[in-house]
Amino acid sequence: MSRVLPRTLRRPSWPALGWLGGLVIALVAGVILAVNSDAAKTDVRTAAGPPEGSSEPLATQLEALWSTDPADDDQRTDDQQTVASGTVITSSERGVRGLDPLTGEERWHYLRSNATMCDLTVLDDVVVAIYRTTGRCNEAVALEAGTGVRRWYRNVGFSDGLSLLGSGTTALAATPGGIAVLDAVGNSIRWRYNPPQGCELSSIGIGINGVVVLERCRTGTTWLAAFALDSGDQQWRVAPPPGEVIVLGADGVISLLAGQQLTILSARDGSELSTVVTDSARSETAASMFAGQPGGGGVPLVHVAGRLYAIDPVTGAQLWSVAASGLPADGDLGVVVPEAGAFVTRNPLTGQEITRSVVTGDTAAQPAGTDDLIRIEQTGSALIAVTGQALVAYG
């Protein structure tokens, strides 16, 4: 499964193309020296193993198990994903923590007193974080999501204004001046891309179908381009719809938000397949995901303006839609959709209701029925609701 929130890239304080030109590939001895010199200022706690998975279905009645404090700066979450390897991942400017999904207790942490986190992304079983120890984001580390054990470390030379995205085993560092794609399994940079001179990247999406970027040039021309996730080979380049365009994702189809219109493009060639008019006043948390396994009958899902749309990946036709307050979780029985006062498990192909879990207890702690909810994620019998300010776990 992959998911992505639309990213309008931040402008870096350094020149647009400088961060890619200044990429540092350290010698092995230099890397070892850097790691050792920072060891005394790195606080590491690891877990013996990931949490034991639960095969129990969601209960028909759920209650809040724990929540994070909205005022706690040490409890930020990734824009795209929060749960991996049965662990809830939170971050702060100093590092990363892995929490137990049922209790909220800390299982592991990786904290650095001499560095500031630039950004992080949570992938299928690994967390990739990029730190700043100088004026640039110059160090990257990958941690096992279930235990906090370090998988790899490397020096990089990215701008301090980067955004970090991810899908599968791929992490993508982006600024308006270019992108660099890192292998989260190893520590290599798979490929890089710079827009032509006089152009910059204004929006980007990543998913199972690759990387899609929106290029805007000083000449007034605008292009939408798609690249293969592993190789960086350009798949196609087309003119985007007119107006302000945001790339939502590349999950089975290419989804765009163009003003008040949700536009679906073919992932194969970028041709337009369908459009849906939305409520632009409620589209600030638009997002996409892919439910199921790629190539195995999965369905692209797009949440925008308080509604969830299931899209046929071949024709772009709308399979079904339902009012929803956030992006659903990809559960074992189906997609778990946050609806008013309940979490409803639906068949991803038809939208038919399978089960319904009603939230009990304090209604003030029920993000399933509020506009503040961004998405939910499932791990075993627990649901993690991600709002704009905090996390709430239900079980």
Protein backbone atom coordinates (compact mmCIF):
# COMPACT_ATOMS: atom_id res chain seq x y z
CA MET A 1 0.00 0.00 0.00
CA SER A 2 1.13 3.50 -0.66
CA ARG A 3 -0.37 6.83 0.18
CA VAL A 4 0.56 10.44 -0.30
CA LEU A 5 -0.58 13.87 0.69
CA PRO A 6 -0.11 16.49 -2.00
CA ARG A 7 3.17 18.31 -1.58
CA THR A 8 3.55 21.90 -2.69
CA LEU A 9 7.29 22.13 -2.42
CA ARG A 10 8.89 24.66 -0.11
CA ARG A 11 11.36 27.08 -1.60
CA PRO A 12 14.82 26.47 -0.13
CA SER A 13 16.95 29.23 1.28
CA TRP A 14 19.83 28.01 -0.88
CA PRO A 15 19.90 28.40 -4.70
CA ALA A 16 17.39 26.14 -6.41
CA LEU A 17 19.91 23.80 -8.01
CA GLY A 18 22.66 24.05 -5.40
CA TRP A 19 21.65 21.15 -3.19
CA LEU A 20 21.96 18.54 -5.93
CA GLY A 21 25.23 19.96 -7.20
CA GLY A 22 26.63 19.81 -3.66
CA LEU A 23 25.72 16.17 -2.98
CA VAL A 24 28.47 14.57 -0.84
CA ILE A 25 29.34 10.89 -1.29
CA ALA A 26 31.52 10.19 1.74
CA LEU A 27 34.41 7.72 1.79
CA VAL A 28 33.91 4.72 4.05
CA ALA A 29 36.44 5.99 6.56
CA GLY A 30 34.77 9.38 6.68
CA VAL A 31 31.38 7.87 7.34
CA ILE A 32 32.72 5.73 10.18
CA LEU A 33 34.46 8.74 11.69
CA ALA A 34 31.30 10.87 11.52
CA VAL A 35 29.22 8.17 13.16
CA ASN A 36 31.72 7.60 15.93
CA SER A 37 32.16 11.29 16.67
CA ASP A 38 28.42 11.74 17.11
CA ALA A 39 27.93 8.59 19.17
CA ALA A 40 28.10 10.37 22.51
CA LYS A 41 25.39 12.80 21.41
CA THR A 42 23.01 10.16 20.07
CA ASP A 43 20.50 8.63 22.50
CA VAL A 44 19.44 5.21 21.19
CA ARG A 45 16.99 2.76 22.69
CA THR A 46 16.03 -0.31 20.65
CA ALA A 47 13.34 -2.97 21.07
CA ALA A 48 14.07 -6.69 21.08
CA GLY A 49 11.58 -7.20 18.27
CA PRO A 50 8.48 -5.72 16.67
CA PRO A 51 5.16 -5.98 18.56
CA GLU A 52 3.33 -9.26 18.22
CA GLY A 53 0.68 -8.94 15.55
CA SER A 54 -3.00 -9.44 16.34
CA SER A 55 -5.34 -11.27 13.99
CA GLU A 56 -8.45 -10.20 15.87
CA PRO A 57 -10.98 -8.23 13.81
CA LEU A 58 -12.06 -4.75 14.79
CA ALA A 59 -14.57 -4.75 17.61
CA THR A 60 -18.08 -3.50 16.89
CA GLN A 61 -17.63 -0.97 19.69
CA LEU A 62 -14.39 0.98 19.97
CA GLU A 63 -13.11 3.29 22.64
CA ALA A 64 -10.14 5.61 22.82
CA LEU A 65 -7.08 3.76 24.16
CA TRP A 66 -4.59 6.64 24.28
CA SER A 67 -3.75 9.87 22.53
CA THR A 68 -0.86 12.24 22.09
CA ASP A 69 -0.85 15.75 23.51
CA PRO A 70 -1.49 18.37 20.79
CA ALA A 71 0.83 20.75 22.65
CA ASP A 72 3.71 18.26 22.71
CA ASP A 73 6.27 19.17 20.04
CA ASP A 74 7.78 15.70 20.47
CA GLN A 75 4.79 13.98 18.89
CA ARG A 76 4.77 15.04 15.26
CA THR A 77 3.86 12.48 12.60
CA ASP A 78 4.79 11.80 9.00
CA ASP A 79 2.53 13.38 6.39
CA GLN A 80 2.09 10.08 4.59
CA GLN A 81 2.24 7.17 7.01
CA THR A 82 2.32 6.65 10.77
CA VAL A 83 2.18 2.87 11.32
CA ALA A 84 4.83 0.41 10.15
CA SER A 85 5.81 -3.06 11.43
CA GLY A 86 3.03 -2.85 14.02
CA THR A 87 4.56 0.31 15.51
CA VAL A 88 3.30 3.90 15.67
CA ILE A 89 6.02 6.31 14.54
CA THR A 90 6.26 9.87 15.90
CA SER A 91 9.02 12.43 15.55
CA SER A 92 10.41 15.69 16.88
CA GLU A 93 13.14 18.05 15.78
CA ARG A 94 15.60 15.83 17.67
CA GLY A 95 14.58 12.38 16.52
CA VAL A 96 12.15 9.50 16.16
CA ARG A 97 10.14 7.35 18.58
CA GLY A 98 8.32 4.05 18.09
CA LEU A 99 5.19 3.56 20.22
CA ASP A 100 3.12 0.50 21.12
CA PRO A 101 -0.21 0.82 19.23
CA LEU A 102 -2.32 -0.53 22.12
CA THR A 103 -0.77 1.37 25.02
CA GLY A 104 1.07 4.32 23.50
CA GLU A 105 4.14 3.35 25.53
CA GLU A 106 7.51 4.02 23.95
CA ARG A 107 9.21 0.92 22.52
CA TRP A 108 12.27 2.55 20.97
CA HIS A 109 13.79 5.93 20.21
CA TYR A 110 16.61 7.52 18.21
CA LEU A 111 17.39 11.05 19.43
CA ARG A 112 20.24 13.41 18.59
CA SER A 113 21.16 16.42 20.69
CA ASN A 114 23.59 17.82 18.11
CA ALA A 115 21.34 17.72 15.05
CA THR A 116 17.95 18.95 13.89
CA MET A 117 15.61 16.80 11.84
CA CYS A 118 14.82 18.19 8.40
CA ASP A 119 12.10 15.66 7.55
CA LEU A 120 11.30 11.96 7.69
CA THR A 121 9.26 9.38 5.85
CA VAL A 122 7.78 6.11 7.13
CA LEU A 123 7.93 3.24 4.64
CA ASP A 124 6.72 -0.38 4.80
CA ASP A 125 9.21 -1.49 7.46
CA VAL A 126 11.75 1.30 7.74
CA VAL A 127 11.89 4.94 8.79
CA VAL A 128 14.18 7.27 6.85
CA ALA A 129 15.14 10.54 8.56
CA ILE A 130 17.34 13.37 7.32
CA TYR A 131 19.17 15.59 9.80
CA ARG A 132 20.89 18.95 9.66
CA THR A 133 24.17 19.47 11.55
CA THR A 134 25.39 22.35 9.37
CA GLY A 135 23.54 24.86 7.21
CA ARG A 136 22.26 22.04 5.02
CA CYS A 137 20.45 18.74 5.54
CA ASN A 138 23.59 16.66 5.45
CA GLU A 139 22.97 13.30 7.17
CA ALA A 140 20.50 10.50 6.45
CA VAL A 141 19.69 7.50 8.63
CA ALA A 142 17.38 4.51 8.16
CA LEU A 143 15.86 2.74 11.19
CA GLU A 144 13.95 -0.52 11.43
CA ALA A 145 10.36 0.55 12.12
CA GLY A 146 9.63 -2.30 14.52
CA THR A 147 12.78 -2.09 16.65
CA GLY A 148 14.58 1.21 16.03
CA VAL A 149 17.75 -0.66 15.04
CA ARG A 150 19.80 1.39 12.60
CA ARG A 151 19.82 -0.09 9.10
CA TRP A 152 22.20 2.40 7.51
CA TYR A 153 23.70 5.87 7.73
CA ARG A 154 25.15 8.12 5.03
CA ASN A 155 26.19 11.69 4.36
CA VAL A 156 24.17 13.73 1.89
CA GLY A 157 24.16 17.35 0.77
CA PHE A 158 20.53 18.42 0.52
CA SER A 159 19.03 21.88 0.86
CA ASP A 160 17.53 22.80 4.21
CA GLY A 161 14.14 23.29 2.52
CA LEU A 162 13.63 19.69 1.42
CA SER A 163 10.46 17.62 1.60
CA LEU A 164 10.79 13.87 2.14
CA LEU A 165 8.25 11.46 0.61
CA GLY A 166 8.18 7.69 0.33
CA SER A 167 6.60 4.61 -1.23
CA GLY A 168 7.47 0.94 -0.73
CA THR A 169 11.25 0.84 -0.26
CA THR A 170 11.88 4.25 -1.82
CA ALA A 171 12.46 7.59 -0.12
CA LEU A 172 12.39 10.78 -2.17
CA ALA A 173 14.04 14.07 -1.17
CA ALA A 174 12.65 17.04 -3.08
CA THR A 175 13.04 20.78 -3.41
CA PRO A 176 11.83 23.08 -6.20
CA GLY A 177 15.29 22.64 -7.74
CA GLY A 178 15.23 18.86 -8.08
CA ILE A 179 14.71 15.44 -6.56
CA ALA A 180 16.93 12.63 -5.32
CA VAL A 181 15.58 9.11 -4.83
CA LEU A 182 17.16 6.99 -2.08
CA ASP A 183 17.05 3.22 -1.69
CA ALA A 184 15.74 2.55 1.82
CA VAL A 185 17.03 -1.05 1.75
CA GLY A 186 20.60 -0.04 0.94
CA ASN A 187 21.90 3.48 1.29
CA SER A 188 22.45 4.42 -2.34
CA ILE A 189 20.88 7.24 -4.31
CA ARG A 190 19.06 5.50 -7.16
CA TRP A 191 18.58 8.51 -9.37
CA ARG A 192 18.26 12.28 -9.49
CA TYR A 193 16.33 14.74 -11.62
CA ASN A 194 16.70 18.49 -12.18
CA PRO A 195 14.08 20.46 -14.10
CA PRO A 196 15.33 22.42 -17.12
CA GLN A 197 16.99 25.78 -16.54
CA GLY A 198 14.42 28.44 -15.74
CA CYS A 199 11.94 25.88 -14.39
CA GLU A 200 11.20 24.50 -10.94
CA LEU A 201 9.09 21.77 -9.36
CA SER A 202 5.93 23.10 -7.72
CA SER A 203 4.17 19.85 -6.75
CA ILE A 204 5.11 16.20 -6.51
CA GLY A 205 3.50 12.83 -5.86
CA ILE A 206 4.93 9.34 -5.38
CA GLY A 207 3.18 5.97 -5.44
CA ILE A 208 3.21 2.49 -6.90
CA ASN A 209 3.29 3.91 -10.44
CA GLY A 210 6.35 6.06 -9.87
CA VAL A 211 7.07 9.74 -9.33
CA VAL A 212 4.98 12.51 -10.89
CA VAL A 213 6.18 16.12 -10.86
CA LEU A 214 4.64 19.41 -11.92
CA GLU A 215 7.16 21.75 -13.56
CA ARG A 216 6.56 25.49 -13.88
CA CYS A 217 8.87 27.61 -16.03
CA ARG A 218 9.52 31.34 -16.19
CA THR A 219 8.40 31.28 -19.82
CA GLY A 220 4.87 30.46 -18.63
CA THR A 221 4.92 26.84 -19.76
CA THR A 222 3.91 24.07 -17.37
CA TRP A 223 4.54 20.35 -17.70
CA LEU A 224 3.48 17.21 -15.88
CA ALA A 225 6.09 14.45 -16.06
CA ALA A 226 6.20 10.87 -14.77
CA PHE A 227 9.31 8.84 -13.89
CA ALA A 228 9.85 5.15 -13.12
CA LEU A 229 10.31 4.63 -9.39
CA ASP A 230 13.38 2.39 -9.58
CA SER A 231 15.29 3.77 -12.56
CA GLY A 232 14.13 7.36 -12.95
CA ASP A 233 13.40 6.80 -16.66
CA GLN A 234 10.88 9.36 -17.91
CA GLN A 235 7.63 7.60 -18.81
CA TRP A 236 5.75 10.53 -20.31
CA ARG A 237 5.40 14.32 -20.30
CA VAL A 238 2.09 16.10 -20.90
CA ALA A 239 0.52 19.52 -20.42
CA PRO A 240 -1.48 19.62 -17.15
CA PRO A 241 -5.05 20.91 -16.83
CA PRO A 242 -5.31 24.72 -16.77
CA GLY A 243 -5.25 26.64 -13.49
CA GLU A 244 -3.69 25.81 -10.14
CA VAL A 245 -2.78 22.11 -10.10
CA ILE A 246 -1.67 19.89 -7.20
CA VAL A 247 -0.41 16.33 -7.71
CA LEU A 248 -2.27 14.06 -5.28
CA GLY A 249 -0.69 10.73 -6.06
CA ALA A 250 0.47 8.01 -8.45
CA ASP A 251 -1.42 5.02 -7.09
CA GLY A 252 -2.93 2.96 -9.89
CA VAL A 253 -3.88 6.20 -11.61
CA ILE A 254 -2.47 9.72 -11.52
CA SER A 255 -4.76 11.93 -9.46
CA LEU A 256 -4.66 15.72 -9.65
CA LEU A 257 -6.58 18.51 -7.98
CA ALA A 258 -7.09 21.29 -10.53
CA GLY A 259 -9.03 24.07 -8.85
CA GLN A 260 -12.38 22.55 -7.89
CA GLN A 261 -11.89 19.52 -10.12
CA LEU A 262 -10.48 16.10 -9.31
CA THR A 263 -8.79 14.92 -12.51
CA ILE A 264 -7.78 11.31 -13.13
CA LEU A 265 -5.02 10.55 -15.64
CA SER A 266 -3.78 7.25 -17.04
CA ALA A 267 -0.62 6.08 -15.29
CA ARG A 268 0.49 4.57 -18.61
CA ASP A 269 0.59 7.68 -20.80
CA GLY A 270 -0.81 10.65 -18.85
CA SER A 271 -4.00 10.90 -20.89
CA GLU A 272 -7.10 12.23 -19.13
CA LEU A 273 -9.56 9.53 -18.07
CA SER A 274 -12.19 11.29 -15.94
CA THR A 275 -13.02 14.37 -13.88
CA VAL A 276 -15.14 15.05 -10.78
CA VAL A 277 -16.17 18.49 -9.51
CA THR A 278 -15.40 18.89 -5.79
CA ASP A 279 -15.93 21.46 -3.05
CA SER A 280 -12.69 23.45 -3.27
CA ALA A 281 -13.28 25.02 0.14
CA ARG A 282 -12.75 21.59 1.76
CA SER A 283 -9.91 20.21 -0.35
CA GLU A 284 -6.95 21.18 1.82
CA THR A 285 -6.45 17.60 3.04
CA ALA A 286 -6.81 15.88 -0.33
CA ALA A 287 -4.87 12.60 -0.46
CA SER A 288 -4.65 9.30 -2.32
CA MET A 289 -3.76 5.69 -1.56
CA PHE A 290 -3.86 2.23 -3.13
CA ALA A 291 -5.91 -0.45 -1.37
CA GLY A 292 -4.70 -3.99 -1.94
CA GLN A 293 -1.61 -5.32 -3.69
CA PRO A 294 -0.39 -3.84 -6.99
CA GLY A 295 -1.34 -6.15 -9.85
CA GLY A 296 -3.66 -8.15 -7.59
CA GLY A 297 -7.00 -6.40 -8.00
CA GLY A 298 -6.26 -3.35 -5.90
CA VAL A 299 -8.17 -0.09 -6.14
CA PRO A 300 -6.94 3.53 -6.18
CA LEU A 301 -8.71 5.66 -3.56
CA VAL A 302 -8.79 9.46 -3.42
CA HIS A 303 -10.11 11.50 -0.51
CA VAL A 304 -10.95 15.11 -1.27
CA ALA A 305 -13.45 17.67 0.03
CA GLY A 306 -15.02 15.30 2.58
CA ARG A 307 -15.64 12.47 0.14
CA LEU A 308 -13.84 9.21 -0.69
CA TYR A 309 -13.71 8.09 -4.33
CA ALA A 310 -12.79 4.59 -5.55
CA ILE A 311 -11.37 4.66 -9.08
CA ASP A 312 -11.11 1.95 -11.73
CA PRO A 313 -7.35 1.80 -12.43
CA VAL A 314 -7.87 0.97 -16.12
CA THR A 315 -10.70 3.26 -17.21
CA GLY A 316 -10.55 5.95 -14.53
CA ALA A 317 -14.27 5.52 -13.95
CA GLN A 318 -15.67 6.08 -10.48
CA LEU A 319 -16.50 2.72 -8.90
CA TRP A 320 -18.19 4.19 -5.83
CA SER A 321 -17.99 7.11 -3.45
CA VAL A 322 -19.03 7.82 0.12
CA ALA A 323 -18.88 10.73 2.54
CA ALA A 324 -15.75 10.32 4.67
CA SER A 325 -13.84 12.52 7.09
CA GLY A 326 -10.39 11.27 6.11
CA LEU A 327 -8.34 8.75 4.16
CA PRO A 328 -9.22 5.13 5.11
CA ALA A 329 -7.04 2.33 6.44
CA ASP A 330 -6.25 -0.68 4.28
CA GLY A 331 -7.50 -3.49 6.55
CA ASP A 332 -7.54 -7.27 6.22
CA LEU A 333 -11.26 -7.44 5.40
CA GLY A 334 -11.47 -4.25 3.35
CA VAL A 335 -10.89 -0.53 3.62
CA VAL A 336 -11.83 0.99 6.99
CA VAL A 337 -13.51 4.31 6.22
CA PRO A 338 -13.86 7.03 8.89
CA GLU A 339 -17.48 8.13 8.78
CA ALA A 340 -19.56 10.18 11.23
CA GLY A 341 -19.21 8.50 14.65
CA ALA A 342 -18.02 5.18 13.23
CA PHE A 343 -15.33 3.33 11.32
CA VAL A 344 -16.98 1.38 8.49
CA THR A 345 -15.20 -1.52 6.76
CA ARG A 346 -16.14 -1.57 3.07
CA ASN A 347 -15.37 -3.75 0.07
CA PRO A 348 -12.80 -1.72 -1.90
CA LEU A 349 -14.23 -2.84 -5.25
CA THR A 350 -17.92 -2.20 -4.58
CA GLY A 351 -18.07 0.02 -1.52
CA GLN A 352 -20.48 -2.40 0.13
CA GLU A 353 -20.49 -2.21 3.94
CA ILE A 354 -18.98 -5.30 5.60
CA THR A 355 -18.79 -4.31 9.26
CA ARG A 356 -19.32 -1.17 11.33
CA SER A 357 -17.39 -0.20 14.46
CA VAL A 358 -19.06 2.49 16.56
CA VAL A 359 -16.99 4.82 18.70
CA THR A 360 -18.14 4.97 22.33
CA GLY A 361 -17.13 7.21 25.20
CA ASP A 362 -16.24 10.88 25.14
CA THR A 363 -17.50 12.35 21.86
CA ALA A 364 -14.84 15.05 22.04
CA ALA A 365 -12.25 12.36 21.35
CA GLN A 366 -13.97 11.06 18.20
CA PRO A 367 -11.98 12.35 15.22
CA ALA A 368 -13.93 10.07 12.88
CA GLY A 369 -16.67 12.67 12.74
CA THR A 370 -14.63 15.86 12.62
CA ASP A 371 -13.02 17.95 9.91
CA ASP A 372 -9.65 17.72 11.66
CA LEU A 373 -9.07 14.07 10.74
CA ILE A 374 -6.46 13.45 8.05
CA ARG A 375 -6.42 9.65 7.85
CA ILE A 376 -6.62 6.44 9.87
CA GLU A 377 -4.30 3.44 9.89
CA GLN A 378 -4.87 -0.07 11.19
CA THR A 379 -2.50 -2.40 12.98
CA GLY A 380 -4.08 -5.59 14.32
CA SER A 381 -7.19 -4.75 16.32
CA ALA A 382 -6.18 -1.10 16.83
CA LEU A 383 -6.97 1.93 14.70
CA ILE A 384 -4.74 5.00 14.74
CA ALA A 385 -6.52 8.24 13.86
CA VAL A 386 -4.20 10.98 12.64
CA THR A 387 -5.55 14.50 13.04
CA GLY A 388 -3.97 17.83 12.27
CA GLN A 389 -2.74 18.12 15.86
CA ALA A 390 -2.51 14.69 17.48
CA LEU A 391 -2.92 10.92 17.32
CA VAL A 392 -5.79 8.96 18.87
CA ALA A 393 -5.69 5.16 19.17
CA TYR A 394 -8.92 3.13 19.23
CA GLY A 395 -9.46 -0.50 20.13
